[in-house]
Amino acid sequence: MDIDNAFKMMQNDLNTASDMDVRCSGATCVLATIYNGKLSVYNCGDSRAVLGRKNPNGSMAPVALSKDHKPDKADERKRILSCGGHLGCRQVL
């Protein structure tokens, strides 16, 4: 379950094996796994994982399990740049 490596392999495949120019296109992914009774959520891009939690009165309340990775958000832009990345076409390059 090497999720980080799986995401890197996917990006590499898009960069090298695709017939289309992927530099200014985007993809998103949300992945949820349950392993040994533990829920793990992974996301890439601006897809969001949300859990429905039942309230005592029987209604459902949304619980965000991930944050969107949008380069137009100040904190995400700062994170990308601090890791040595750069931005273009509203995405990480």
PDB file of N, CA and C in Angstrom:
ATOM      1  N   MET A   1       0.843  -1.189   0.000  1.00  0.00           N
ATOM      2  CA  MET A   1       0.000   0.000   0.000  1.00  0.00           C
ATOM      3  C   MET A   1       0.882   1.245   0.000  1.00  0.00           C
ATOM      4  N   ASP A   2       1.624   1.414  -1.060  1.00  0.00           N
ATOM      5  CA  ASP A   2       2.502   2.573  -1.206  1.00  0.00           C
ATOM      6  C   ASP A   2       1.761   3.638  -2.009  1.00  0.00           C
ATOM      7  N   ILE A   3       0.866   4.347  -1.338  1.00  0.00           N
ATOM      8  CA  ILE A   3      -0.007   5.315  -1.998  1.00  0.00           C
ATOM      9  C   ILE A   3       0.793   6.453  -2.617  1.00  0.00           C
ATOM     10  N   ASP A   4       1.785   6.973  -1.890  1.00  0.00           N
ATOM     11  CA  ASP A   4       2.597   8.073  -2.432  1.00  0.00           C
ATOM     12  C   ASP A   4       3.247   7.665  -3.753  1.00  0.00           C
ATOM     13  N   ASN A   5       3.813   6.479  -3.792  1.00  0.00           N
ATOM     14  CA  ASN A   5       4.456   6.007  -5.011  1.00  0.00           C
ATOM     15  C   ASN A   5       3.435   5.787  -6.123  1.00  0.00           C
ATOM     16  N   ALA A   6       2.256   5.313  -5.790  1.00  0.00           N
ATOM     17  CA  ALA A   6       1.210   5.106  -6.797  1.00  0.00           C
ATOM     18  C   ALA A   6       0.823   6.428  -7.447  1.00  0.00           C
ATOM     19  N   PHE A   7       0.673   7.499  -6.652  1.00  0.00           N
ATOM     20  CA  PHE A   7       0.354   8.810  -7.204  1.00  0.00           C
ATOM     21  C   PHE A   7       1.481   9.308  -8.103  1.00  0.00           C
ATOM     22  N   LYS A   8       2.730   9.103  -7.684  1.00  0.00           N
ATOM     23  CA  LYS A   8       3.879   9.531  -8.498  1.00  0.00           C
ATOM     24  C   LYS A   8       3.950   8.763  -9.808  1.00  0.00           C
ATOM     25  N   MET A   9       3.676   7.468  -9.761  1.00  0.00           N
ATOM     26  CA  MET A   9       3.678   6.660 -10.980  1.00  0.00           C
ATOM     27  C   MET A   9       2.586   7.121 -11.937  1.00  0.00           C
ATOM     28  N   MET A  10       1.400   7.432 -11.394  1.00  0.00           N
ATOM     29  CA  MET A  10       0.306   7.916 -12.223  1.00  0.00           C
ATOM     30  C   MET A  10       0.699   9.208 -12.922  1.00  0.00           C
ATOM     31  N   GLN A  11       1.312  10.144 -12.189  1.00  0.00           N
ATOM     32  CA  GLN A  11       1.714  11.419 -12.781  1.00  0.00           C
ATOM     33  C   GLN A  11       2.779  11.200 -13.847  1.00  0.00           C
ATOM     34  N   ASN A  12       3.728  10.318 -13.576  1.00  0.00           N
ATOM     35  CA  ASN A  12       4.760  10.024 -14.560  1.00  0.00           C
ATOM     36  C   ASN A  12       4.159   9.436 -15.836  1.00  0.00           C
ATOM     37  N   ASP A  13       3.205   8.519 -15.677  1.00  0.00           N
ATOM     38  CA  ASP A  13       2.544   7.937 -16.841  1.00  0.00           C
ATOM     39  C   ASP A  13       1.826   9.009 -17.655  1.00  0.00           C
ATOM     40  N   LEU A  14       1.160   9.929 -16.984  1.00  0.00           N
ATOM     41  CA  LEU A  14       0.482  11.016 -17.695  1.00  0.00           C
ATOM     42  C   LEU A  14       1.479  11.889 -18.441  1.00  0.00           C
ATOM     43  N   ASN A  15       2.619  12.163 -17.806  1.00  0.00           N
ATOM     44  CA  ASN A  15       3.625  13.037 -18.420  1.00  0.00           C
ATOM     45  C   ASN A  15       4.329  12.385 -19.609  1.00  0.00           C
ATOM     46  N   THR A  16       4.521  11.079 -19.562  1.00  0.00           N
ATOM     47  CA  THR A  16       5.354  10.425 -20.577  1.00  0.00           C
ATOM     48  C   THR A  16       4.589   9.563 -21.577  1.00  0.00           C
ATOM     49  N   ALA A  17       3.459   9.032 -21.197  1.00  0.00           N
ATOM     50  CA  ALA A  17       2.785   8.062 -22.062  1.00  0.00           C
ATOM     51  C   ALA A  17       1.501   8.584 -22.693  1.00  0.00           C
ATOM     52  N   SER A  18       1.130   9.788 -22.400  1.00  0.00           N
ATOM     53  CA  SER A  18      -0.126  10.317 -22.923  1.00  0.00           C
ATOM     54  C   SER A  18       0.086  10.994 -24.265  1.00  0.00           C
ATOM     55  N   ASP A  19      -0.864  10.817 -25.171  1.00  0.00           N
ATOM     56  CA  ASP A  19      -0.813  11.479 -26.477  1.00  0.00           C
ATOM     57  C   ASP A  19      -1.246  12.938 -26.392  1.00  0.00           C
ATOM     58  N   MET A  20      -1.845  13.330 -25.287  1.00  0.00           N
ATOM     59  CA  MET A  20      -2.292  14.716 -25.158  1.00  0.00           C
ATOM     60  C   MET A  20      -1.335  15.516 -24.287  1.00  0.00           C
ATOM     61  N   ASP A  21      -1.374  16.815 -24.451  1.00  0.00           N
ATOM     62  CA  ASP A  21      -0.551  17.713 -23.642  1.00  0.00           C
ATOM     63  C   ASP A  21      -1.203  17.847 -22.270  1.00  0.00           C
ATOM     64  N   VAL A  22      -0.602  17.238 -21.266  1.00  0.00           N
ATOM     65  CA  VAL A  22      -1.198  17.230 -19.933  1.00  0.00           C
ATOM     66  C   VAL A  22      -0.719  18.385 -19.060  1.00  0.00           C
ATOM     67  N   ARG A  23       0.126  19.256 -19.604  1.00  0.00           N
ATOM     68  CA  ARG A  23       0.664  20.347 -18.791  1.00  0.00           C
ATOM     69  C   ARG A  23      -0.408  21.315 -18.324  1.00  0.00           C
ATOM     70  N   CYS A  24      -1.430  21.536 -19.119  1.00  0.00           N
ATOM     71  CA  CYS A  24      -2.477  22.486 -18.742  1.00  0.00           C
ATOM     72  C   CYS A  24      -3.829  21.803 -18.598  1.00  0.00           C
ATOM     73  N   SER A  25      -3.825  20.517 -18.347  1.00  0.00           N
ATOM     74  CA  SER A  25      -5.064  19.819 -18.038  1.00  0.00           C
ATOM     75  C   SER A  25      -4.924  19.286 -16.626  1.00  0.00           C
ATOM     76  N   GLY A  26      -5.970  18.754 -16.089  1.00  0.00           N
ATOM     77  CA  GLY A  26      -5.886  18.324 -14.704  1.00  0.00           C
ATOM     78  C   GLY A  26      -6.616  17.016 -14.462  1.00  0.00           C
ATOM     79  N   ALA A  27      -6.317  16.440 -13.343  1.00  0.00           N
ATOM     80  CA  ALA A  27      -6.981  15.226 -12.900  1.00  0.00           C
ATOM     81  C   ALA A  27      -7.092  15.299 -11.387  1.00  0.00           C
ATOM     82  N   THR A  28      -8.101  14.670 -10.882  1.00  0.00           N
ATOM     83  CA  THR A  28      -8.268  14.628  -9.437  1.00  0.00           C
ATOM     84  C   THR A  28      -8.512  13.187  -9.008  1.00  0.00           C
ATOM     85  N   CYS A  29      -8.284  12.946  -7.742  1.00  0.00           N
ATOM     86  CA  CYS A  29      -8.494  11.597  -7.223  1.00  0.00           C
ATOM     87  C   CYS A  29      -8.789  11.684  -5.728  1.00  0.00           C
ATOM     88  N   VAL A  30      -9.750  10.900  -5.300  1.00  0.00           N
ATOM     89  CA  VAL A  30      -9.989  10.667  -3.881  1.00  0.00           C
ATOM     90  C   VAL A  30      -9.974   9.161  -3.692  1.00  0.00           C
ATOM     91  N   LEU A  31      -9.198   8.715  -2.737  1.00  0.00           N
ATOM     92  CA  LEU A  31      -9.065   7.295  -2.464  1.00  0.00           C
ATOM     93  C   LEU A  31      -9.258   7.070  -0.971  1.00  0.00           C
ATOM     94  N   ALA A  32     -10.144   6.167  -0.631  1.00  0.00           N
ATOM     95  CA  ALA A  32     -10.362   5.815   0.771  1.00  0.00           C
ATOM     96  C   ALA A  32     -10.083   4.328   0.938  1.00  0.00           C
ATOM     97  N   THR A  33      -9.320   3.993   1.957  1.00  0.00           N
ATOM     98  CA  THR A  33      -9.022   2.594   2.250  1.00  0.00           C
ATOM     99  C   THR A  33      -9.325   2.316   3.713  1.00  0.00           C
ATOM    100  N   ILE A  34      -9.708   1.097   3.972  1.00  0.00           N
ATOM    101  CA  ILE A  34      -9.846   0.624   5.350  1.00  0.00           C
ATOM    102  C   ILE A  34      -8.892  -0.555   5.487  1.00  0.00           C
ATOM    103  N   TYR A  35      -7.926  -0.408   6.382  1.00  0.00           N
ATOM    104  CA  TYR A  35      -6.921  -1.446   6.588  1.00  0.00           C
ATOM    105  C   TYR A  35      -6.731  -1.628   8.084  1.00  0.00           C
ATOM    106  N   ASN A  36      -6.898  -2.841   8.559  1.00  0.00           N
ATOM    107  CA  ASN A  36      -6.827  -3.135   9.993  1.00  0.00           C
ATOM    108  C   ASN A  36      -7.757  -2.238  10.799  1.00  0.00           C
ATOM    109  N   GLY A  37      -8.934  -1.979  10.246  1.00  0.00           N
ATOM    110  CA  GLY A  37      -9.927  -1.174  10.958  1.00  0.00           C
ATOM    111  C   GLY A  37      -9.675   0.318  10.952  1.00  0.00           C
ATOM    112  N   LYS A  38      -8.684   0.772  10.201  1.00  0.00           N
ATOM    113  CA  LYS A  38      -8.345   2.196  10.150  1.00  0.00           C
ATOM    114  C   LYS A  38      -8.711   2.761   8.782  1.00  0.00           C
ATOM    115  N   LEU A  39      -9.464   3.868   8.788  1.00  0.00           N
ATOM    116  CA  LEU A  39      -9.840   4.558   7.564  1.00  0.00           C
ATOM    117  C   LEU A  39      -8.750   5.559   7.211  1.00  0.00           C
ATOM    118  N   SER A  40      -8.251   5.476   5.984  1.00  0.00           N
ATOM    119  CA  SER A  40      -7.282   6.451   5.470  1.00  0.00           C
ATOM    120  C   SER A  40      -7.863   7.067   4.212  1.00  0.00           C
ATOM    121  N   VAL A  41      -7.704   8.381   4.076  1.00  0.00           N
ATOM    122  CA  VAL A  41      -8.218   9.096   2.916  1.00  0.00           C
ATOM    123  C   VAL A  41      -7.069   9.849   2.265  1.00  0.00           C
ATOM    124  N   TYR A  42      -6.964   9.720   0.950  1.00  0.00           N
ATOM    125  CA  TYR A  42      -5.929  10.385   0.167  1.00  0.00           C
ATOM    126  C   TYR A  42      -6.626  11.202  -0.905  1.00  0.00           C
ATOM    127  N   ASN A  43      -6.099  12.371  -1.189  1.00  0.00           N
ATOM    128  CA  ASN A  43      -6.668  13.135  -2.289  1.00  0.00           C
ATOM    129  C   ASN A  43      -5.593  13.901  -3.020  1.00  0.00           C
ATOM    130  N   CYS A  44      -5.878  14.133  -4.272  1.00  0.00           N
ATOM    131  CA  CYS A  44      -4.991  14.876  -5.141  1.00  0.00           C
ATOM    132  C   CYS A  44      -5.891  15.740  -6.018  1.00  0.00           C
ATOM    133  N   GLY A  45      -5.621  17.023  -6.044  1.00  0.00           N
ATOM    134  CA  GLY A  45      -6.458  17.919  -6.839  1.00  0.00           C
ATOM    135  C   GLY A  45      -7.598  18.501  -6.037  1.00  0.00           C
ATOM    136  N   ASP A  46      -8.639  18.896  -6.728  1.00  0.00           N
ATOM    137  CA  ASP A  46      -9.723  19.585  -6.036  1.00  0.00           C
ATOM    138  C   ASP A  46     -10.957  18.710  -5.842  1.00  0.00           C
ATOM    139  N   SER A  47     -10.742  17.423  -5.668  1.00  0.00           N
ATOM    140  CA  SER A  47     -11.822  16.532  -5.246  1.00  0.00           C
ATOM    141  C   SER A  47     -11.791  16.455  -3.730  1.00  0.00           C
ATOM    142  N   ARG A  48     -12.937  16.258  -3.149  1.00  0.00           N
ATOM    143  CA  ARG A  48     -13.032  16.293  -1.687  1.00  0.00           C
ATOM    144  C   ARG A  48     -13.710  15.043  -1.158  1.00  0.00           C
ATOM    145  N   ALA A  49     -13.172  14.506  -0.069  1.00  0.00           N
ATOM    146  CA  ALA A  49     -13.788  13.375   0.620  1.00  0.00           C
ATOM    147  C   ALA A  49     -14.626  13.918   1.771  1.00  0.00           C
ATOM    148  N   VAL A  50     -15.871  13.455   1.839  1.00  0.00           N
ATOM    149  CA  VAL A  50     -16.792  13.899   2.893  1.00  0.00           C
ATOM    150  C   VAL A  50     -17.451  12.666   3.493  1.00  0.00           C
ATOM    151  N   LEU A  51     -17.496  12.629   4.811  1.00  0.00           N
ATOM    152  CA  LEU A  51     -18.132  11.541   5.539  1.00  0.00           C
ATOM    153  C   LEU A  51     -19.468  12.039   6.076  1.00  0.00           C
ATOM    154  N   GLY A  52     -20.490  11.221   5.995  1.00  0.00           N
ATOM    155  CA  GLY A  52     -21.776  11.578   6.604  1.00  0.00           C
ATOM    156  C   GLY A  52     -21.842  10.998   8.004  1.00  0.00           C
ATOM    157  N   ARG A  53     -22.013  11.850   8.985  1.00  0.00           N
ATOM    158  CA  ARG A  53     -22.084  11.406  10.379  1.00  0.00           C
ATOM    159  C   ARG A  53     -23.510  11.616  10.884  1.00  0.00           C
ATOM    160  N   LYS A  54     -24.076  10.584  11.478  1.00  0.00           N
ATOM    161  CA  LYS A  54     -25.445  10.649  11.966  1.00  0.00           C
ATOM    162  C   LYS A  54     -25.494  11.390  13.304  1.00  0.00           C
ATOM    163  N   ASN A  55     -26.323  12.402  13.365  1.00  0.00           N
ATOM    164  CA  ASN A  55     -26.535  13.166  14.601  1.00  0.00           C
ATOM    165  C   ASN A  55     -27.509  12.426  15.516  1.00  0.00           C
ATOM    166  N   PRO A  56     -27.517  12.762  16.800  1.00  0.00           N
ATOM    167  CA  PRO A  56     -28.445  12.108  17.736  1.00  0.00           C
ATOM    168  C   PRO A  56     -29.912  12.222  17.310  1.00  0.00           C
ATOM    169  N   ASN A  57     -30.262  13.298  16.593  1.00  0.00           N
ATOM    170  CA  ASN A  57     -31.657  13.463  16.163  1.00  0.00           C
ATOM    171  C   ASN A  57     -31.968  12.709  14.869  1.00  0.00           C
ATOM    172  N   GLY A  58     -30.984  11.975  14.337  1.00  0.00           N
ATOM    173  CA  GLY A  58     -31.191  11.169  13.143  1.00  0.00           C
ATOM    174  C   GLY A  58     -30.799  11.851  11.845  1.00  0.00           C
ATOM    175  N   SER A  59     -30.543  13.147  11.891  1.00  0.00           N
ATOM    176  CA  SER A  59     -30.123  13.842  10.675  1.00  0.00           C
ATOM    177  C   SER A  59     -28.648  13.541  10.394  1.00  0.00           C
ATOM    178  N   MET A  60     -28.246  13.819   9.173  1.00  0.00           N
ATOM    179  CA  MET A  60     -26.862  13.580   8.777  1.00  0.00           C
ATOM    180  C   MET A  60     -26.109  14.905   8.700  1.00  0.00           C
ATOM    181  N   ALA A  61     -24.860  14.884   9.147  1.00  0.00           N
ATOM    182  CA  ALA A  61     -24.009  16.072   9.087  1.00  0.00           C
ATOM    183  C   ALA A  61     -22.749  15.736   8.302  1.00  0.00           C
ATOM    184  N   PRO A  62     -22.350  16.620   7.391  1.00  0.00           N
ATOM    185  CA  PRO A  62     -21.129  16.355   6.631  1.00  0.00           C
ATOM    186  C   PRO A  62     -19.879  16.631   7.458  1.00  0.00           C
ATOM    187  N   VAL A  63     -18.874  15.783   7.291  1.00  0.00           N
ATOM    188  CA  VAL A  63     -17.579  15.964   7.941  1.00  0.00           C
ATOM    189  C   VAL A  63     -16.516  15.898   6.835  1.00  0.00           C
ATOM    190  N   ALA A  64     -15.820  17.000   6.621  1.00  0.00           N
ATOM    191  CA  ALA A  64     -14.778  17.025   5.596  1.00  0.00           C
ATOM    192  C   ALA A  64     -13.602  16.160   6.038  1.00  0.00           C
ATOM    193  N   LEU A  65     -13.159  15.268   5.160  1.00  0.00           N
ATOM    194  CA  LEU A  65     -12.019  14.402   5.465  1.00  0.00           C
ATOM    195  C   LEU A  65     -10.765  14.804   4.701  1.00  0.00           C
ATOM    196  N   SER A  66     -10.905  15.744   3.784  1.00  0.00           N
ATOM    197  CA  SER A  66      -9.748  16.192   3.019  1.00  0.00           C
ATOM    198  C   SER A  66      -9.932  17.658   2.656  1.00  0.00           C
ATOM    199  N   LYS A  67      -8.850  18.251   2.197  1.00  0.00           N
ATOM    200  CA  LYS A  67      -8.879  19.633   1.732  1.00  0.00           C
ATOM    201  C   LYS A  67      -8.502  19.649   0.254  1.00  0.00           C
ATOM    202  N   ASP A  68      -9.140  20.535  -0.492  1.00  0.00           N
ATOM    203  CA  ASP A  68      -8.832  20.659  -1.911  1.00  0.00           C
ATOM    204  C   ASP A  68      -7.401  21.150  -2.100  1.00  0.00           C
ATOM    205  N   HIS A  69      -6.753  20.636  -3.115  1.00  0.00           N
ATOM    206  CA  HIS A  69      -5.416  21.085  -3.488  1.00  0.00           C
ATOM    207  C   HIS A  69      -5.553  22.005  -4.692  1.00  0.00           C
ATOM    208  N   LYS A  70      -5.864  23.248  -4.423  1.00  0.00           N
ATOM    209  CA  LYS A  70      -6.044  24.238  -5.476  1.00  0.00           C
ATOM    210  C   LYS A  70      -4.953  25.286  -5.374  1.00  0.00           C
ATOM    211  N   PRO A  71      -4.180  25.490  -6.441  1.00  0.00           N
ATOM    212  CA  PRO A  71      -3.085  26.450  -6.373  1.00  0.00           C
ATOM    213  C   PRO A  71      -3.537  27.898  -6.237  1.00  0.00           C
ATOM    214  N   ASP A  72      -4.827  28.173  -6.435  1.00  0.00           N
ATOM    215  CA  ASP A  72      -5.292  29.541  -6.230  1.00  0.00           C
ATOM    216  C   ASP A  72      -5.625  29.817  -4.760  1.00  0.00           C
ATOM    217  N   LYS A  73      -5.520  28.793  -3.897  1.00  0.00           N
ATOM    218  CA  LYS A  73      -5.662  28.988  -2.453  1.00  0.00           C
ATOM    219  C   LYS A  73      -4.292  29.363  -1.902  1.00  0.00           C
ATOM    220  N   ALA A  74      -4.221  30.425  -1.117  1.00  0.00           N
ATOM    221  CA  ALA A  74      -2.937  30.960  -0.641  1.00  0.00           C
ATOM    222  C   ALA A  74      -2.091  29.914   0.080  1.00  0.00           C
ATOM    223  N   ASP A  75      -2.696  29.106   0.965  1.00  0.00           N
ATOM    224  CA  ASP A  75      -1.911  28.129   1.719  1.00  0.00           C
ATOM    225  C   ASP A  75      -1.378  27.017   0.810  1.00  0.00           C
ATOM    226  N   GLU A  76      -2.161  26.615  -0.175  1.00  0.00           N
ATOM    227  CA  GLU A  76      -1.697  25.569  -1.088  1.00  0.00           C
ATOM    228  C   GLU A  76      -0.616  26.098  -2.028  1.00  0.00           C
ATOM    229  N   ARG A  77      -0.784  27.314  -2.484  1.00  0.00           N
ATOM    230  CA  ARG A  77       0.236  27.940  -3.328  1.00  0.00           C
ATOM    231  C   ARG A  77       1.573  28.017  -2.575  1.00  0.00           C
ATOM    232  N   LYS A  78       1.502  28.434  -1.311  1.00  0.00           N
ATOM    233  CA  LYS A  78       2.705  28.547  -0.485  1.00  0.00           C
ATOM    234  C   LYS A  78       3.349  27.165  -0.285  1.00  0.00           C
ATOM    235  N   ARG A  79       2.528  26.147  -0.048  1.00  0.00           N
ATOM    236  CA  ARG A  79       3.047  24.793   0.150  1.00  0.00           C
ATOM    237  C   ARG A  79       3.760  24.303  -1.111  1.00  0.00           C
ATOM    238  N   ILE A  80       3.153  24.518  -2.259  1.00  0.00           N
ATOM    239  CA  ILE A  80       3.744  24.074  -3.524  1.00  0.00           C
ATOM    240  C   ILE A  80       5.088  24.750  -3.757  1.00  0.00           C
ATOM    241  N   LEU A  81       5.108  26.063  -3.591  1.00  0.00           N
ATOM    242  CA  LEU A  81       6.339  26.817  -3.838  1.00  0.00           C
ATOM    243  C   LEU A  81       7.428  26.467  -2.830  1.00  0.00           C
ATOM    244  N   SER A  82       7.046  26.221  -1.580  1.00  0.00           N
ATOM    245  CA  SER A  82       8.040  25.885  -0.551  1.00  0.00           C
ATOM    246  C   SER A  82       8.664  24.511  -0.778  1.00  0.00           C
ATOM    247  N   CYS A  83       7.988  23.648  -1.542  1.00  0.00           N
ATOM    248  CA  CYS A  83       8.527  22.316  -1.865  1.00  0.00           C
ATOM    249  C   CYS A  83       9.338  22.320  -3.148  1.00  0.00           C
ATOM    250  N   GLY A  84       9.537  23.513  -3.722  1.00  0.00           N
ATOM    251  CA  GLY A  84      10.313  23.601  -4.951  1.00  0.00           C
ATOM    252  C   GLY A  84       9.489  23.486  -6.215  1.00  0.00           C
ATOM    253  N   GLY A  85       8.171  23.393  -6.077  1.00  0.00           N
ATOM    254  CA  GLY A  85       7.304  23.321  -7.253  1.00  0.00           C
ATOM    255  C   GLY A  85       7.094  24.695  -7.849  1.00  0.00           C
ATOM    256  N   HIS A  86       6.470  24.725  -9.009  1.00  0.00           N
ATOM    257  CA  HIS A  86       6.089  25.994  -9.602  1.00  0.00           C
ATOM    258  C   HIS A  86       4.702  25.838 -10.213  1.00  0.00           C
ATOM    259  N   LEU A  87       4.072  26.945 -10.500  1.00  0.00           N
ATOM    260  CA  LEU A  87       2.678  26.947 -10.944  1.00  0.00           C
ATOM    261  C   LEU A  87       2.569  27.451 -12.367  1.00  0.00           C
ATOM    262  N   GLY A  88       1.597  26.941 -13.067  1.00  0.00           N
ATOM    263  CA  GLY A  88       1.286  27.399 -14.415  1.00  0.00           C
ATOM    264  C   GLY A  88      -0.028  26.807 -14.839  1.00  0.00           C
ATOM    265  N   CYS A  89      -0.785  27.514 -15.605  1.00  0.00           N
ATOM    266  CA  CYS A  89      -2.077  27.024 -16.073  1.00  0.00           C
ATOM    267  C   CYS A  89      -2.967  26.600 -14.921  1.00  0.00           C
ATOM    268  N   ARG A  90      -2.849  27.254 -13.779  1.00  0.00           N
ATOM    269  CA  ARG A  90      -3.619  26.941 -12.564  1.00  0.00           C
ATOM    270  C   ARG A  90      -3.364  25.547 -12.022  1.00  0.00           C
ATOM    271  N   GLN A  91      -2.199  25.005 -12.250  1.00  0.00           N
ATOM    272  CA  GLN A  91      -1.896  23.684 -11.704  1.00  0.00           C
ATOM    273  C   GLN A  91      -0.425  23.562 -11.365  1.00  0.00           C
ATOM    274  N   VAL A  92      -0.088  22.501 -10.670  1.00  0.00           N
ATOM    275  CA  VAL A  92       1.287  22.220 -10.313  1.00  0.00           C
ATOM    276  C   VAL A  92       1.991  21.629 -11.524  1.00  0.00           C
ATOM    277  N   LEU A  93       3.184  22.117 -11.798  1.00  0.00           N
ATOM    278  CA  LEU A  93       3.983  21.558 -12.895  1.00  0.00           C
ATOM    279  C   LEU A  93       5.244  20.937 -12.326  1.00  0.00           C
TER     280      LEU A  93
END
